[in-house]
Protein backbone atom coordinates (compact mmCIF):
# COMPACT_ATOMS: atom_id res chain seq x y z
CA MET A 1 122.14 196.89 121.01
CA LYS A 2 122.90 194.78 117.93
CA THR A 3 121.31 191.75 119.63
CA LEU A 4 118.14 193.69 120.38
CA LEU A 5 117.97 194.99 116.83
CA CYS A 6 118.45 191.47 115.45
CA LEU A 7 115.71 190.12 117.71
CA LEU A 8 113.31 192.82 116.56
CA LEU A 9 114.08 192.22 112.90
CA CYS A 10 113.62 188.47 113.34
CA LEU A 11 110.49 188.57 115.47
CA LEU A 12 108.51 191.31 113.72
CA PRO A 13 107.84 189.26 110.55
CA LEU A 14 106.73 186.31 112.71
CA ALA A 15 104.40 188.53 114.73
CA ALA A 16 102.92 189.96 111.54
CA LEU A 17 102.37 186.44 110.23
CA ALA A 18 100.66 185.37 113.45
CA ARG A 19 98.36 188.40 113.34
CA SER A 20 97.49 187.89 109.67
CA GLY A 21 96.32 184.32 110.24
CA GLU A 22 97.97 183.24 107.00
CA ALA A 23 99.85 179.99 106.92
CA PRO A 24 103.63 180.12 106.80
CA PRO A 25 105.18 179.22 103.42
CA CYS A 26 104.62 175.63 102.34
CA ASP A 27 107.54 173.47 103.51
CA ARG A 28 108.00 170.30 101.45
CA ARG A 29 110.85 167.89 102.07
CA PRO A 30 113.12 167.93 98.99
CA ALA A 31 113.31 164.15 98.51
CA THR A 32 109.52 163.90 98.52
CA LEU A 33 108.43 166.71 96.18
CA ASP A 34 105.09 165.90 94.60
CA THR A 35 103.34 167.80 91.79
CA ARG A 36 99.85 166.38 92.35
CA LYS A 37 96.95 168.79 92.93
CA ALA A 38 94.32 167.35 95.25
CA ASN A 39 92.57 167.60 98.60
CA ALA A 40 95.06 166.56 101.24
CA GLY A 41 95.86 166.13 104.90
CA CYS A 42 98.68 165.37 107.33
CA LEU A 43 99.37 162.32 109.41
CA ILE A 44 101.42 163.52 112.38
CA LEU A 45 102.81 161.05 114.90
CA ARG A 46 104.11 161.68 118.40
CA GLY A 47 105.46 158.37 119.65
CA ASP A 48 102.58 155.90 119.35
CA GLN A 49 99.93 158.61 119.04
CA VAL A 50 98.42 160.37 116.02
CA LEU A 51 97.08 163.93 115.96
CA LEU A 52 93.37 164.00 115.12
CA VAL A 53 90.83 166.80 114.88
CA ARG A 54 87.34 166.53 116.32
CA LEU A 55 84.91 168.27 113.99
CA ARG A 56 82.56 170.90 115.31
CA GLY A 57 78.92 170.00 114.81
CA ASN A 58 79.13 166.22 114.44
CA ASP A 59 81.95 165.36 116.89
CA LYS A 60 83.59 163.05 114.34
CA LEU A 61 87.36 162.42 114.24
CA ASP A 62 89.61 162.96 111.24
CA LEU A 63 93.12 163.92 110.22
CA PRO A 64 93.84 167.63 109.84
CA GLY A 65 93.33 168.38 106.16
CA GLY A 66 90.86 169.53 103.59
CA THR A 67 90.13 171.09 100.24
CA ARG A 68 92.78 172.53 97.94
CA GLU A 69 92.63 176.14 96.84
CA ASP A 70 92.95 177.22 93.19
CA ASP A 71 96.18 175.85 91.73
CA GLU A 72 97.60 174.61 95.06
CA LEU A 73 99.76 171.49 95.18
CA ALA A 74 98.45 168.65 97.36
CA GLN A 75 101.44 168.88 99.72
CA CYS A 76 100.76 172.61 100.18
CA THR A 77 97.07 171.89 100.79
CA ALA A 78 98.10 169.46 103.56
CA HIS A 79 100.44 172.11 104.99
CA ARG A 80 97.91 174.97 104.90
CA GLU A 81 94.97 172.93 106.20
CA THR A 82 97.07 171.54 109.05
CA TRP A 83 98.17 175.07 109.97
CA GLU A 84 94.59 176.37 109.84
CA GLU A 85 93.12 173.49 111.86
CA SER A 86 95.90 172.82 114.39
CA GLY A 87 98.18 175.85 114.36
CA LEU A 88 101.15 173.55 113.68
CA ASP A 89 103.72 174.57 111.08
CA VAL A 90 104.81 171.32 109.47
CA SER A 91 107.27 170.00 106.96
CA VAL A 92 105.35 167.84 104.50
CA GLY A 93 106.96 164.53 103.61
CA ARG A 94 105.99 161.71 101.29
CA ARG A 95 102.51 160.76 100.25
CA LEU A 96 101.37 157.74 102.26
CA ALA A 97 98.01 156.97 100.72
CA VAL A 98 94.99 158.18 98.82
CA MET A 99 91.91 157.55 100.93
CA LYS A 100 88.69 156.19 99.43
CA ASN A 101 87.24 159.73 99.36
CA GLY A 102 90.25 160.99 97.35
CA LEU A 103 92.10 162.70 100.22
CA HIS A 104 95.86 162.46 99.75
CA VAL A 105 97.51 161.70 103.11
CA TYR A 106 101.06 162.88 103.68
CA ARG A 107 103.48 162.15 106.50
CA CYS A 108 104.08 165.50 108.19
CA TYR A 109 106.59 166.63 110.78
CA PRO A 110 105.93 169.64 113.06
CA HIS A 111 108.75 172.18 113.20
CA ALA A 112 108.10 172.29 116.95
CA MET A 113 106.37 169.30 118.55
CA PRO A 114 103.85 170.48 121.13
CA GLU A 115 104.30 168.99 124.60
CA GLY A 116 100.58 168.74 125.25
CA THR A 117 97.53 169.01 123.08
CA PRO A 118 97.58 172.20 121.03
CA PRO A 119 94.55 174.47 121.33
CA VAL A 120 92.37 174.98 118.26
CA PRO A 121 93.63 178.16 116.59
CA VAL A 122 91.24 180.98 115.73
CA SER A 123 91.52 180.03 112.04
CA GLY A 124 90.10 176.56 112.74
CA ARG A 125 87.34 177.30 115.22
CA ASN A 126 84.53 177.35 112.65
CA GLU A 127 85.07 173.70 111.77
CA ILE A 128 87.24 172.17 114.51
CA GLY A 129 85.94 171.59 118.04
CA ALA A 130 89.10 170.06 119.54
CA LEU A 131 92.47 168.51 118.80
CA GLY A 132 93.83 165.40 120.43
CA TRP A 133 96.59 162.81 120.43
CA TRP A 134 95.12 159.33 119.99
CA ARG A 135 96.57 155.85 120.30
CA SER A 136 95.44 153.64 117.44
CA GLU A 137 93.53 151.23 119.68
CA ASP A 138 91.57 154.11 121.24
CA ILE A 139 90.13 155.48 117.99
CA PRO A 140 86.47 154.38 117.90
CA ARG A 141 85.04 153.28 114.57
CA ASP A 142 81.71 155.00 115.22
CA GLN A 143 83.46 158.35 115.74
CA TRP A 144 85.52 158.25 112.52
CA ARG A 145 84.28 160.90 110.05
CA PHE A 146 84.21 158.63 107.01
CA SER A 147 83.34 155.21 108.40
CA TYR A 148 83.91 153.53 105.03
CA GLN A 149 87.62 154.40 105.20
CA TYR A 150 88.17 153.58 108.90
CA ASP A 151 89.86 150.25 108.14
CA GLN A 152 92.07 151.84 105.47
CA PHE A 153 93.16 154.54 107.94
CA LYS A 154 93.81 152.04 110.75
CA GLN A 155 95.93 149.86 108.42
CA LEU A 156 97.93 152.90 107.28
CA LEU A 157 98.50 153.94 110.90
CA LYS A 158 99.51 150.40 111.90
CA THR A 159 102.02 150.20 109.05
CA LEU A 160 103.61 153.51 110.05
CA LEU A 161 103.74 152.69 113.75
CA ASP A 162 105.26 149.26 113.03
CA ARG A 163 107.88 150.87 110.79
CA ASP A 164 108.70 153.56 113.36
CA SER A 165 109.09 151.02 116.18
CA ARG A 166 111.88 149.15 114.38
């Protein structure tokens, strides 16, 4: 009986959160706390693949991320936007780069790594057409959302993958 009661008390708040569509609380790694306020996104790796979103309407590829709200910290913007666009609850690590369009890119770590490709959550369906895991060499330049920062993104990805392979 105590086990059942504990399960109910633990699962009810999670179910309410899932129904509300609100992102879980922003999880920032303590050693990487950042007080910047900016538009931001997450770079999530699974082996030698990166999670990308395919935008609805123009079919372009990009990292999950977007515009900050009110007085939101950049790391929390990356967290919330990633949740809204991918459904993944992540821990936000260090800032990796500021892209040419001003987007702050953070290294993010899912609390639970999906085995396959996650479906686009309801909260992201207005702007996201699909999610996918991409190997660096398979990301086409002509499909990158901001073509002027394609080389910057590819160099950032290469640096991370090289570091992770050591």
